[in-house]
Protein backbone atom coordinates (compact mmCIF):
# COMPACT_ATOMS: atom_id res chain seq x y z
CA MET A 1 -2.31 -8.81 65.74
CA GLY A 2 -5.23 -8.94 62.87
CA HIS A 3 -5.44 -9.58 59.55
CA GLY A 4 -2.66 -9.03 57.57
CA GLU A 5 -0.08 -8.16 60.45
CA HIS A 6 1.40 -11.62 60.48
CA CYS A 7 5.51 -11.65 60.11
CA GLY A 8 4.90 -13.73 57.24
CA PRO A 9 1.51 -15.03 55.81
CA ASP A 10 -1.23 -16.89 57.62
CA ALA A 11 -0.83 -20.46 58.32
CA PRO A 12 -3.27 -22.98 56.85
CA ALA A 13 -6.19 -22.79 58.89
CA GLY A 14 -8.21 -25.98 57.09
CA ASP A 15 -8.31 -28.86 55.28
CA ALA A 16 -5.18 -30.11 53.17
CA PRO A 17 -5.56 -28.55 49.73
CA HIS A 18 -6.74 -31.38 47.07
CA GLY A 19 -4.41 -33.22 45.55
CA PRO A 20 -0.90 -32.56 46.54
CA ARG A 21 1.70 -34.77 46.39
CA PRO A 22 3.43 -36.54 49.10
CA VAL A 23 6.57 -34.97 50.18
CA ASP A 24 9.78 -37.02 49.44
CA PRO A 25 11.02 -38.75 52.92
CA PRO A 26 14.45 -37.08 53.93
CA SER A 27 16.30 -40.26 54.76
CA ARG A 28 18.21 -40.12 58.25
CA ARG A 29 21.79 -39.71 56.53
CA SER A 30 20.94 -36.41 54.57
CA PHE A 31 19.45 -35.63 58.11
CA LEU A 32 22.26 -36.05 60.52
CA GLY A 33 24.45 -34.73 57.23
CA ILE A 34 22.86 -31.93 57.42
CA VAL A 35 22.89 -31.44 61.25
CA GLY A 36 26.48 -32.40 60.95
CA ALA A 37 27.59 -29.28 59.40
CA LEU A 38 25.82 -27.02 61.31
CA THR A 39 27.10 -28.54 64.14
CA THR A 40 30.91 -28.37 62.46
CA ALA A 41 29.89 -24.51 61.05
CA LEU A 42 28.72 -23.90 64.60
CA PHE A 43 32.21 -25.37 66.44
CA VAL A 44 34.21 -23.18 63.94
CA ALA A 45 32.98 -20.63 64.52
CA SER A 46 33.15 -20.42 68.02
CA ALA A 47 37.12 -21.82 67.83
CA LEU A 48 37.99 -18.73 65.14
CA ALA A 49 36.24 -16.11 67.85
CA TYR A 50 38.81 -17.81 70.75
CA LEU A 51 41.60 -17.50 68.76
CA THR A 52 40.72 -13.92 67.60
CA MET A 53 39.05 -12.65 70.73
CA GLY A 54 40.17 -15.20 73.35
CA PRO A 55 42.00 -14.59 76.82
CA ARG A 56 44.96 -12.26 76.51
CA PRO A 57 48.10 -13.78 77.18
CA ASP A 58 49.74 -14.18 80.49
CA VAL A 59 51.94 -10.41 80.88
CA PRO A 60 55.93 -11.17 80.93
CA LEU A 61 56.34 -9.30 84.10
CA GLY A 62 57.93 -9.89 87.15
CA PRO A 63 57.56 -8.48 90.64
CA GLY A 64 58.92 -4.41 90.61
CA ALA A 65 59.90 -2.12 88.14
CA THR A 66 60.44 -2.62 84.17
CA VAL A 67 61.19 -0.15 82.07
CA TYR A 68 61.43 -0.07 78.03
CA PHE A 69 62.83 2.94 76.72
CA ASN A 70 64.63 3.69 73.11
CA GLU A 71 68.77 4.40 74.51
CA ALA A 72 68.59 6.98 70.90
CA CYS A 73 66.55 9.03 71.95
CA GLY A 74 68.45 11.41 74.00
CA ASP A 75 65.20 13.00 75.82
CA CYS A 76 64.55 10.07 76.69
CA ARG A 77 67.82 9.44 78.69
CA THR A 78 67.70 12.91 80.42
CA TYR A 79 63.67 12.13 81.62
CA LEU A 80 65.39 8.36 82.83
CA ASP A 81 67.74 9.71 84.60
CA GLY A 82 66.32 12.93 85.92
CA GLU A 83 62.76 12.29 87.17
CA LEU A 84 61.54 8.12 86.14
CA LEU A 85 64.43 6.12 87.89
CA PRO A 86 64.71 8.68 91.08
CA ALA A 87 60.93 8.63 91.39
CA LEU A 88 60.80 4.66 91.23
CA LYS A 89 63.60 4.58 93.77
CA ARG A 90 61.89 7.30 96.22
CA ALA A 91 58.58 4.17 95.84
CA GLY A 92 60.94 1.17 96.78
CA HIS A 93 61.95 0.22 93.64
CA GLU A 94 64.77 -0.81 91.89
CA PRO A 95 63.85 -0.86 88.16
CA VAL A 96 64.87 -3.31 85.24
CA VAL A 97 65.91 -0.59 82.18
CA LYS A 98 65.67 -2.84 78.73
CA ASP A 99 66.50 -0.84 76.02
CA TYR A 100 65.12 -1.92 72.65
CA ILE A 101 67.63 -1.00 70.65
CA SER A 102 70.86 -2.73 71.53
CA ASP A 103 68.20 -5.69 72.46
CA ARG A 104 65.63 -6.26 69.85
CA ALA A 105 63.74 -9.27 71.94
CA PHE A 106 63.09 -6.47 74.31
CA ARG A 107 61.07 -4.86 71.80
CA ALA A 108 59.20 -7.98 71.34
CA GLU A 109 58.71 -7.69 75.04
CA LEU A 110 56.99 -4.41 75.01
CA THR A 111 54.79 -5.31 72.49
CA ALA A 112 53.63 -8.46 73.93
CA VAL A 113 53.47 -6.36 77.44
CA ASN A 114 50.98 -3.63 75.88
CA ASP A 115 48.59 -7.16 74.07
CA ALA A 116 48.44 -8.85 77.88
CA LEU A 117 47.30 -5.99 79.53
CA GLY A 118 45.54 -4.79 76.32
CA VAL A 119 46.85 -1.14 76.06
CA PRO A 120 45.17 0.32 73.21
CA PHE A 121 47.26 2.08 70.70
CA ASP A 122 46.24 5.35 71.25
CA LEU A 123 47.73 5.19 75.16
CA GLN A 124 51.07 3.14 73.88
CA SER A 125 54.08 5.18 73.53
CA HIS A 126 57.84 4.71 72.67
CA LEU A 127 59.01 4.64 76.00
CA ALA A 128 57.11 2.61 78.80
CA THR A 129 57.19 2.24 82.70
CA PHE A 130 55.20 -0.98 84.51
CA VAL A 131 55.36 -1.77 87.76
CA ARG A 132 53.93 -4.64 89.40
CA ASP A 133 52.98 -4.69 92.67
CA ARG A 134 49.52 -5.96 94.29
CA GLY A 135 48.56 -4.57 90.46
CA ILE A 136 49.62 -2.70 87.77
CA ILE A 137 50.82 0.44 87.00
CA ALA A 138 51.52 1.70 83.38
CA PHE A 139 53.87 4.93 82.87
CA GLU A 140 53.37 5.56 79.20
CA GLY A 141 55.96 8.02 77.63
CA HIS A 142 57.55 11.58 79.52
CA VAL A 143 55.11 11.09 82.73
CA PRO A 144 56.28 13.78 85.29
CA ALA A 145 57.78 12.89 88.23
CA ALA A 146 55.38 14.64 90.62
CA LEU A 147 52.66 11.98 88.74
CA VAL A 148 54.84 9.50 88.89
CA ASP A 149 55.24 9.82 92.96
CA GLU A 150 51.90 10.35 93.26
CA ALA A 151 50.70 7.31 91.13
CA LEU A 152 53.40 5.02 93.33
CA ALA A 153 52.23 6.61 96.44
CA LEU A 154 47.66 5.54 96.12
CA ASP A 155 46.78 2.75 98.26
CA PRO A 156 46.04 0.05 96.27
CA ALA A 157 43.19 -0.90 98.39
CA SER A 158 41.81 2.75 97.37
CA ARG A 159 42.82 2.54 93.65
CA PRO A 160 41.80 0.78 90.60
CA ALA A 161 43.88 -2.57 90.72
CA ALA A 162 45.34 -1.40 87.07
CA LEU A 163 46.12 2.14 86.42
CA LEU A 164 47.79 3.79 83.33
CA VAL A 165 49.01 6.93 82.99
CA TYR A 166 49.69 8.64 79.56
CA GLN A 167 51.90 11.93 78.85
CA ASP A 168 54.04 11.39 75.40
CA ARG A 169 54.89 15.01 74.79
CA MET A 170 59.08 15.74 75.52
CA ASP A 171 58.84 19.24 76.15
CA VAL A 172 56.66 21.21 77.47
CA ALA A 173 53.69 18.65 78.83
CA ALA A 174 50.40 20.31 79.91
CA SER A 175 47.73 17.52 79.56
CA TYR A 176 47.91 13.75 80.44
CA ARG A 177 45.44 10.96 80.20
CA ALA A 178 44.33 8.54 82.86
CA TRP A 179 42.80 4.93 82.57
CA ALA A 180 42.27 2.61 84.98
CA PHE A 181 41.92 -0.65 81.90
CA SER A 182 38.08 -0.49 81.53
CA GLY A 183 35.60 2.78 80.72
CA ALA A 184 36.79 5.44 78.57
CA SER A 185 39.98 6.93 79.15
CA GLN A 186 39.82 11.16 80.46
CA ALA A 187 42.32 14.05 80.18
CA TYR A 188 43.27 16.86 82.76
CA PRO A 189 45.86 19.35 82.95
CA ILE A 190 49.27 18.58 83.93
CA SER A 191 48.92 19.65 87.33
CA THR A 192 45.54 17.85 88.16
CA SER A 193 45.73 14.90 90.78
CA LEU A 194 45.28 11.52 89.69
CA ARG A 195 42.72 11.33 92.50
CA VAL A 196 40.11 13.61 90.46
CA TYR A 197 39.91 10.78 87.75
CA ILE A 198 39.69 7.97 90.94
CA GLU A 199 36.95 10.00 92.00
CA TRP A 200 34.99 9.78 88.53
CA TYR A 201 36.21 6.22 87.56
CA GLU A 202 34.03 5.01 90.78
CA ALA A 203 31.65 6.86 90.19
CA ASN A 204 30.96 5.82 86.61
CA VAL A 205 32.75 2.52 86.06
CA GLY A 206 34.36 0.97 88.54
CA SER A 207 31.40 1.66 90.92
CA SER A 208 29.12 -0.59 88.96
CA ASP A 209 28.18 -3.26 91.15
CA PRO A 210 28.64 -6.67 88.63
CA VAL A 211 25.74 -8.85 88.04
CA SER A 212 26.08 -11.57 90.41
CA PRO A 213 26.88 -14.87 88.79
CA THR A 214 23.67 -16.38 90.57
CA LEU A 215 21.13 -13.44 88.78
CA LEU A 216 23.26 -13.09 85.71
CA LEU A 217 22.89 -16.84 84.94
CA PRO A 218 18.83 -16.76 85.32
CA LEU A 219 18.83 -13.01 83.71
CA VAL A 220 20.88 -15.00 80.33
CA LEU A 221 17.85 -17.70 80.47
CA SER A 222 14.61 -15.89 80.59
CA THR A 223 15.66 -12.76 77.74
CA GLY A 224 16.76 -15.36 75.80
CA LEU A 225 13.71 -17.55 75.97
CA LEU A 226 11.51 -13.45 76.20
CA ASP A 227 13.70 -13.11 72.73
CA GLY A 228 12.08 -16.62 71.55
CA LEU A 229 8.99 -15.28 71.62
CA ASN A 230 9.26 -14.08 68.46
CA PRO A 231 5.70 -13.83 66.08
CA CYS A 232 7.83 -13.89 63.32
CA ALA A 233 9.36 -17.10 63.77
CA PHE A 234 6.45 -18.77 65.23
CA ALA A 235 3.97 -17.27 62.07
CA VAL A 236 7.00 -19.07 59.57
CA LEU A 237 6.92 -22.61 62.05
CA LEU A 238 3.05 -22.92 62.18
CA PHE A 239 2.93 -22.56 58.67
CA PHE A 240 5.81 -24.89 58.21
CA VAL A 241 4.55 -27.67 60.05
CA SER A 242 0.70 -27.33 58.91
CA PHE A 243 2.44 -27.52 55.71
CA LEU A 244 3.60 -30.29 55.86
CA TYR A 245 0.83 -32.00 57.71
CA ALA A 246 -1.10 -30.73 54.15
CA VAL A 247 0.93 -32.81 52.26
CA ARG A 248 0.82 -36.03 53.82
CA ALA A 249 4.44 -35.68 55.39
CA GLN A 250 4.94 -38.37 58.14
CA ARG A 251 5.25 -37.30 61.54
CA PRO A 252 8.93 -38.34 62.20
CA GLU A 253 9.55 -36.24 58.83
CA VAL A 254 7.94 -33.36 60.04
CA LEU A 255 9.95 -33.52 63.38
CA ARG A 256 13.08 -33.86 61.30
CA MET A 257 12.24 -30.75 59.38
CA GLY A 258 11.19 -28.59 61.94
CA SER A 259 14.66 -29.44 64.11
CA VAL A 260 16.82 -28.91 61.06
CA TYR A 261 14.73 -25.47 61.08
CA ALA A 262 15.09 -24.37 64.68
CA TYR A 263 18.54 -25.36 64.42
CA ALA A 264 19.25 -23.49 61.65
CA VAL A 265 17.85 -20.29 63.51
CA PHE A 266 19.65 -20.72 66.16
CA LEU A 267 23.00 -20.90 64.26
CA VAL A 268 22.53 -17.65 62.26
CA TYR A 269 21.28 -15.92 65.51
CA PHE A 270 24.46 -17.50 67.72
CA LEU A 271 26.70 -16.22 64.70
CA ILE A 272 24.92 -12.41 64.72
CA GLY A 273 25.86 -12.75 68.59
CA LEU A 274 29.43 -13.59 68.35
CA GLY A 275 30.26 -11.03 65.88
CA LEU A 276 28.33 -8.78 68.17
CA LEU A 277 30.45 -9.81 70.88
CA GLY A 278 33.41 -9.25 68.68
CA ALA A 279 32.54 -5.86 68.47
CA ILE A 280 31.91 -4.82 71.86
CA VAL A 281 35.01 -6.72 73.42
CA VAL A 282 37.49 -4.27 71.68
CA SER A 283 35.19 -1.41 72.68
CA GLU A 284 36.54 0.86 75.65
CA ASP A 285 32.75 1.54 77.70
CA PRO A 286 30.83 -2.27 77.48
CA HIS A 287 28.68 -0.68 79.81
CA LEU A 288 28.03 1.61 77.57
CA ILE A 289 26.70 -0.22 74.73
CA ALA A 290 24.84 -2.40 77.04
CA ARG A 291 22.91 1.47 77.67
CA LEU A 292 22.50 2.36 74.29
CA ALA A 293 20.91 -1.27 73.18
CA ALA A 294 18.83 -1.07 76.48
CA GLY A 295 17.32 1.86 75.35
CA GLY A 296 16.87 0.35 71.63
CA VAL A 297 15.10 -2.57 73.61
CA ILE A 298 12.35 0.31 75.19
CA GLY A 299 11.78 1.90 72.08
CA LEU A 300 11.29 -1.49 70.04
CA GLY A 301 8.74 -1.99 72.73
CA ALA A 302 7.00 1.53 72.68
CA PHE A 303 6.69 1.30 69.24
CA SER A 304 5.21 -2.24 68.86
CA LEU A 305 2.59 -0.36 71.49
CA LEU A 306 2.21 1.81 69.44
CA ARG A 307 1.88 -0.14 66.53
CA VAL A 308 -1.59 -1.27 67.97
CA ALA A 309 -2.63 1.43 68.10
CA PHE A 310 -1.81 2.88 65.03
CA PRO A 311 -1.60 -0.37 62.83
CA ARG A 312 -0.81 1.35 59.64
CA LEU A 313 2.32 1.96 60.94
CA PRO A 314 5.48 0.17 59.34
CA GLY A 315 6.71 -2.67 61.80
CA LEU A 316 10.12 -3.83 62.12
CA SER A 317 9.27 -7.12 63.03
CA ASP A 318 7.21 -7.92 59.88
CA LEU A 319 9.31 -9.97 57.44
CA ALA A 320 10.23 -8.73 54.67
CA SER A 321 7.85 -9.06 51.76
CA SER A 322 11.17 -9.78 49.29
CA ALA A 323 12.44 -11.91 51.74
CA TRP A 324 8.85 -14.30 52.09
CA PRO A 325 8.56 -15.76 49.02
CA ARG A 326 12.15 -17.46 49.50
CA VAL A 327 10.90 -18.71 52.66
CA ARG A 328 7.88 -20.35 50.96
CA ALA A 329 9.38 -21.24 48.16
CA ARG A 330 12.29 -23.20 50.24
CA ILE A 331 9.26 -24.90 52.50
CA VAL A 332 7.03 -25.76 49.69
CA ARG A 333 9.87 -27.38 48.54
CA GLY A 334 9.67 -30.49 51.37
CA SER A 335 13.56 -31.09 51.54
CA LEU A 336 15.80 -31.02 54.45
CA PRO A 337 17.78 -28.39 53.14
CA ALA A 338 14.63 -25.62 52.33
CA ALA A 339 14.11 -26.28 55.64
CA THR A 340 17.69 -25.07 56.69
CA GLY A 341 17.92 -22.04 54.03
CA ALA A 342 14.16 -21.34 55.88
CA GLY A 343 15.57 -21.11 59.21
CA PHE A 344 18.50 -18.84 58.34
CA LEU A 345 16.52 -16.65 56.28
CA VAL A 346 13.95 -16.41 59.26
CA GLY A 347 16.65 -15.88 61.84
CA LEU A 348 18.08 -12.94 59.63
CA CYS A 349 14.80 -11.30 58.99
CA THR A 350 13.95 -11.78 62.54
CA PHE A 351 16.70 -9.89 64.16
CA PRO A 352 16.52 -6.24 63.67
CA CYS A 353 12.47 -6.57 65.57
CA SER A 354 14.40 -8.53 68.96
CA GLY A 355 18.25 -7.98 68.40
CA GLY A 356 18.08 -4.95 71.24
CA VAL A 357 17.64 -7.43 73.74
CA TYR A 358 20.18 -9.38 72.51
CA VAL A 359 22.54 -6.40 72.40
CA ALA A 360 21.62 -5.86 75.59
CA ILE A 361 23.09 -8.95 76.63
CA LEU A 362 25.77 -8.68 74.69
CA GLY A 363 26.91 -5.78 76.56
CA LEU A 364 26.42 -6.85 79.97
CA LEU A 365 28.70 -10.63 79.16
CA ALA A 366 31.38 -8.23 77.51
CA ALA A 367 31.51 -6.22 80.61
CA GLN A 368 31.42 -9.11 83.48
CA THR A 369 32.26 -12.20 81.99
CA THR A 370 35.88 -13.66 80.60
CA PHE A 371 35.00 -14.31 76.83
CA LEU A 372 35.08 -18.25 77.52
CA GLU A 373 31.94 -17.45 80.24
CA GLY A 374 30.28 -15.22 77.84
CA LEU A 375 30.74 -17.97 74.61
CA GLY A 376 28.68 -20.36 77.01
CA TYR A 377 26.24 -17.49 78.02
CA LEU A 378 25.70 -17.26 74.25
CA TYR A 379 25.13 -20.75 73.98
CA LEU A 380 22.97 -21.06 76.57
CA TYR A 381 20.87 -17.79 75.32
CA ASN A 382 20.90 -19.11 72.25
CA GLY A 383 19.31 -22.42 73.32
CA MET A 384 16.85 -20.76 75.15
CA TYR A 385 16.02 -18.59 71.92
CA ILE A 386 14.74 -21.56 70.03
CA LEU A 387 13.40 -23.54 73.15
CA PRO A 388 9.69 -22.12 72.39
CA LEU A 389 10.24 -23.36 68.90
CA LEU A 390 10.96 -26.54 69.93
CA ALA A 391 8.19 -26.97 72.75
CA VAL A 392 5.98 -25.70 70.21
CA LEU A 393 7.09 -28.17 67.37
CA GLY A 394 6.67 -30.95 69.96
CA LEU A 395 3.26 -29.85 70.96
CA ILE A 396 2.08 -29.54 67.33
CA SER A 397 3.65 -32.88 65.96
CA SER A 398 0.19 -34.39 64.92
CA ARG A 399 -2.25 -32.45 61.76
CA PRO A 400 -4.86 -31.96 63.91
CA ALA A 401 -2.94 -29.73 66.58
CA ALA A 402 -0.80 -28.22 63.93
CA LEU A 403 -3.98 -26.78 62.41
CA ALA A 404 -5.62 -26.12 65.38
CA ALA A 405 -2.38 -23.87 66.56
CA ALA A 406 -2.02 -22.63 63.30
CA ARG A 407 -5.78 -20.93 63.48
CA TRP A 408 -5.05 -20.00 67.54
CA GLU A 409 -2.49 -17.55 66.73
CA ARG A 410 -4.59 -16.37 64.02
CA ALA A 411 -7.03 -15.10 66.56
CA HIS A 412 -4.70 -14.45 69.78
CA ALA A 413 -1.77 -12.63 67.47
CA ALA A 414 -2.96 -9.35 68.55
CA GLN A 415 -2.67 -10.18 71.95
CA LEU A 416 0.25 -11.77 71.18
CA ARG A 417 1.88 -8.46 70.53
CA VAL A 418 0.85 -6.44 73.08
CA GLY A 419 2.25 -8.86 75.57
CA LEU A 420 5.60 -9.28 74.08
CA ALA A 421 6.12 -5.24 73.59
CA ALA A 422 5.25 -4.50 76.96
CA GLY A 423 7.83 -7.55 77.90
CA MET A 424 10.24 -5.44 76.19
CA VAL A 425 9.52 -2.35 77.60
CA LEU A 426 10.09 -3.63 81.02
CA LEU A 427 12.98 -5.65 80.50
CA GLY A 428 14.49 -3.02 78.81
CA LEU A 429 14.29 -0.78 81.98
CA GLY A 430 15.89 -4.15 84.15
CA LEU A 431 18.95 -4.21 81.72
CA LEU A 432 19.17 -0.49 81.74
CA ALA A 433 18.81 -0.70 85.49
CA LEU A 434 21.67 -3.35 86.19
CA SER A 435 24.20 -1.46 83.41
CA LEU A 436 24.19 1.68 84.88
């Protein structure tokens, strides 16, 4: 990365400018107050996410078959007595029938069951049957008796642990949809065997071996560290620390401001990830999100390599020219709130550069962990993301080291860019292989 290729302007490489006014030392109380505010925001966001996206409630179903229906629906009664109940009894079940018109509590119970299982609205019907026996089989709507018989006769060892069959027409049924509570639902002609869907599911969704916990943890840690090796954030931090020493700030003050800066970057990146994780969790195919994101990582890495050969190409990793003056103005004030604001701005502006890695990891977490596990991994990822910033801050916490590091960053920027771009391509290929 040659001259003009930095995400922000060059860090000071020489002696301090003449005649600066020393910055006012930030008090320990101010430092603790800002850290406390950032920590409060972090935990409030985590709690709100847990309340809105956390684990679903227990399914309020006992063993056997439970049918929820509307007694006022004449076609429902005909289907219930003529097809559904005989099919359930042939499978050895004595179904419990709950009319949610005569007892409104059953309507609330049906809603709770659908919510607990995570049945999407477009697969819910006015008549629903749930069979709990070594797993869950759900029939939403007027599923023909032949399909009910086939579903209940499936060997639990050879079918998904949870299976839903949807057919909502009350006249002549032409097609049905099948869904195993992950991946996308599939539609088939009414005469198609359920085994066709099960084979599709095993080939496209169910056979995808999850990343083992022993592999997922180092993957999260290593990708977070790689994502944190961001020239944008480094350029600002090096300028930040060098400038503070140039205006004769003391070492404790530099460490406080640098720590607040890194913590603000952590918080804004964590909040971005939390929002993306929520979006991915509600999607039908989180593996698809991971695959698309892996492709994005490969594309960004390839584009960064292309920029090495063609420097005039615009770069996604360049801190926007409109953003840098705001960052610099806040740094120049030399205050803790300024460091916090600079961290927020840098975290927001660098996401387009390295966010593909982040989204790919979030897709894997949404697909293979519970919400609380994913939240823990999100903390670890973002901790690794700011680890390089903290390491650099510790290494350059003296004036000579800060100025020397700034000069080194300028001299080796091109090699850094090539290494990080090649690493992104390799990482994207690895993530793509894991999400297939």
